[in-house]
Amino acid sequence: MSLATGLVVLYAKARAEGLGFTANVGLIERAERLVLLGIGGLLSAFGITYGLDYALGVLAVLSIVTVFQRMATVYQQDRAAMAAAAAGKTES
């Protein structure tokens, strides 16, 4: 689950940039994902059995939140661009 959501986070940003928008927002980006996985791995290495499992679960949930934040940001940018384009047409 966390692998799929991690890929969707990356895809959402790439797709937004491909459309000419920016999606540099989100609760958990690449660095945070790596830190969270590192902490989970260390917890598992030190004998906390479910450390990595919990880290992956938290990562999946936070990645879903990040995808929705990026979608909302791109939606707002699109609405602003459409409003600017409509204002430009009426002034002509």
C-alpha atoms as a PDB file:
ATOM      1  CA  MET A   1       0.000   0.000   0.000  1.00  0.00           C
ATOM      2  CA  SER A   2       2.712   2.493   0.921  1.00  0.00           C
ATOM      3  CA  LEU A   3       4.637   1.715  -2.262  1.00  0.00           C
ATOM      4  CA  ALA A   4       1.586   2.465  -4.384  1.00  0.00           C
ATOM      5  CA  THR A   5       0.736   5.663  -2.550  1.00  0.00           C
ATOM      6  CA  GLY A   6       4.357   6.785  -2.734  1.00  0.00           C
ATOM      7  CA  LEU A   7       4.269   6.367  -6.489  1.00  0.00           C
ATOM      8  CA  VAL A   8       0.979   8.254  -6.732  1.00  0.00           C
ATOM      9  CA  VAL A   9       2.545  11.171  -4.825  1.00  0.00           C
ATOM     10  CA  LEU A  10       5.334  11.323  -7.391  1.00  0.00           C
ATOM     11  CA  TYR A  11       2.909  10.958 -10.285  1.00  0.00           C
ATOM     12  CA  ALA A  12       0.669  13.744  -8.996  1.00  0.00           C
ATOM     13  CA  LYS A  13       3.598  16.150  -8.913  1.00  0.00           C
ATOM     14  CA  ALA A  14       4.885  15.096 -12.335  1.00  0.00           C
ATOM     15  CA  ARG A  15       1.428  15.348 -13.873  1.00  0.00           C
ATOM     16  CA  ALA A  16       0.869  18.806 -12.401  1.00  0.00           C
ATOM     17  CA  GLU A  17       4.204  20.025 -13.730  1.00  0.00           C
ATOM     18  CA  GLY A  18       3.365  18.523 -17.117  1.00  0.00           C
ATOM     19  CA  LEU A  19       0.201  20.622 -17.186  1.00  0.00           C
ATOM     20  CA  GLY A  20       2.138  23.770 -16.305  1.00  0.00           C
ATOM     21  CA  PHE A  21       1.196  23.956 -12.625  1.00  0.00           C
ATOM     22  CA  THR A  22       3.266  23.529  -9.482  1.00  0.00           C
ATOM     23  CA  ALA A  23       2.582  20.946  -6.816  1.00  0.00           C
ATOM     24  CA  ASN A  24       5.355  21.656  -4.339  1.00  0.00           C
ATOM     25  CA  VAL A  25       3.073  21.135  -1.364  1.00  0.00           C
ATOM     26  CA  GLY A  26       2.345  18.201   0.815  1.00  0.00           C
ATOM     27  CA  LEU A  27       2.573  16.842   4.277  1.00  0.00           C
ATOM     28  CA  ILE A  28       5.192  14.240   3.450  1.00  0.00           C
ATOM     29  CA  GLU A  29       7.612  14.690   0.583  1.00  0.00           C
ATOM     30  CA  ARG A  30      10.626  12.646  -0.456  1.00  0.00           C
ATOM     31  CA  ALA A  31      12.932  13.530   2.438  1.00  0.00           C
ATOM     32  CA  GLU A  32      10.245  12.933   5.034  1.00  0.00           C
ATOM     33  CA  ARG A  33       9.375   9.570   3.483  1.00  0.00           C
ATOM     34  CA  LEU A  34      13.010   8.487   3.637  1.00  0.00           C
ATOM     35  CA  VAL A  35      13.373   9.588   7.258  1.00  0.00           C
ATOM     36  CA  LEU A  36      10.191   7.765   8.248  1.00  0.00           C
ATOM     37  CA  LEU A  37      11.329   4.573   6.543  1.00  0.00           C
ATOM     38  CA  GLY A  38      14.746   4.900   8.167  1.00  0.00           C
ATOM     39  CA  ILE A  39      13.225   5.249  11.614  1.00  0.00           C
ATOM     40  CA  GLY A  40      10.983   2.248  11.004  1.00  0.00           C
ATOM     41  CA  GLY A  41      13.931   0.205   9.814  1.00  0.00           C
ATOM     42  CA  LEU A  42      16.003   1.182  12.837  1.00  0.00           C
ATOM     43  CA  LEU A  43      13.182   0.304  15.211  1.00  0.00           C
ATOM     44  CA  SER A  44      12.915  -3.120  13.596  1.00  0.00           C
ATOM     45  CA  ALA A  45      16.677  -3.588  13.749  1.00  0.00           C
ATOM     46  CA  PHE A  46      16.696  -2.834  17.477  1.00  0.00           C
ATOM     47  CA  GLY A  47      14.096  -5.470  18.215  1.00  0.00           C
ATOM     48  CA  ILE A  48      10.833  -3.540  18.043  1.00  0.00           C
ATOM     49  CA  THR A  49       9.039  -6.114  15.952  1.00  0.00           C
ATOM     50  CA  TYR A  50       6.409  -3.958  14.314  1.00  0.00           C
ATOM     51  CA  GLY A  51       8.451  -0.777  13.902  1.00  0.00           C
ATOM     52  CA  LEU A  52       8.700  -0.988  10.129  1.00  0.00           C
ATOM     53  CA  ASP A  53       5.082  -2.118   9.785  1.00  0.00           C
ATOM     54  CA  TYR A  54       3.837   0.924  11.681  1.00  0.00           C
ATOM     55  CA  ALA A  55       6.138   3.235   9.744  1.00  0.00           C
ATOM     56  CA  LEU A  56       4.808   1.885   6.444  1.00  0.00           C
ATOM     57  CA  GLY A  57       1.222   2.319   7.627  1.00  0.00           C
ATOM     58  CA  VAL A  58       1.862   5.912   8.674  1.00  0.00           C
ATOM     59  CA  LEU A  59       3.641   6.501   5.378  1.00  0.00           C
ATOM     60  CA  ALA A  60       0.649   5.217   3.397  1.00  0.00           C
ATOM     61  CA  VAL A  61      -1.819   7.447   5.258  1.00  0.00           C
ATOM     62  CA  LEU A  62       0.356  10.557   5.028  1.00  0.00           C
ATOM     63  CA  SER A  63       1.000   9.908   1.331  1.00  0.00           C
ATOM     64  CA  ILE A  64      -2.737   9.823   0.650  1.00  0.00           C
ATOM     65  CA  VAL A  65      -3.102  13.154   2.459  1.00  0.00           C
ATOM     66  CA  THR A  66      -0.258  14.572   0.357  1.00  0.00           C
ATOM     67  CA  VAL A  67      -1.918  13.452  -2.884  1.00  0.00           C
ATOM     68  CA  PHE A  68      -5.134  15.225  -1.922  1.00  0.00           C
ATOM     69  CA  GLN A  69      -3.211  18.361  -0.946  1.00  0.00           C
ATOM     70  CA  ARG A  70      -1.503  18.388  -4.322  1.00  0.00           C
ATOM     71  CA  MET A  71      -4.756  17.832  -6.171  1.00  0.00           C
ATOM     72  CA  ALA A  72      -6.383  20.702  -4.268  1.00  0.00           C
ATOM     73  CA  THR A  73      -3.445  22.999  -5.036  1.00  0.00           C
ATOM     74  CA  VAL A  74      -3.545  22.229  -8.750  1.00  0.00           C
ATOM     75  CA  TYR A  75      -7.320  22.707  -8.757  1.00  0.00           C
ATOM     76  CA  GLN A  76      -6.927  26.152  -7.168  1.00  0.00           C
ATOM     77  CA  GLN A  77      -4.208  27.092  -9.657  1.00  0.00           C
ATOM     78  CA  ASP A  78      -6.424  25.958 -12.536  1.00  0.00           C
ATOM     79  CA  ARG A  79      -9.405  27.974 -11.272  1.00  0.00           C
ATOM     80  CA  ALA A  80      -7.191  31.058 -10.885  1.00  0.00           C
ATOM     81  CA  ALA A  81      -5.819  30.627 -14.407  1.00  0.00           C
ATOM     82  CA  MET A  82      -9.307  30.216 -15.836  1.00  0.00           C
ATOM     83  CA  ALA A  83     -10.539  33.319 -13.982  1.00  0.00           C
ATOM     84  CA  ALA A  84      -7.567  35.311 -15.285  1.00  0.00           C
ATOM     85  CA  ALA A  85      -8.224  34.109 -18.805  1.00  0.00           C
ATOM     86  CA  ALA A  86     -11.907  35.007 -18.532  1.00  0.00           C
ATOM     87  CA  ALA A  87     -11.051  38.464 -17.195  1.00  0.00           C
ATOM     88  CA  GLY A  88      -8.634  38.957 -20.083  1.00  0.00           C
ATOM     89  CA  LYS A  89     -11.331  38.106 -22.643  1.00  0.00           C
ATOM     90  CA  THR A  90     -13.857  40.560 -21.224  1.00  0.00           C
ATOM     91  CA  GLU A  91     -11.371  43.437 -21.253  1.00  0.00           C
ATOM     92  CA  SER A  92     -10.615  43.008 -24.957  1.00  0.00           C
END
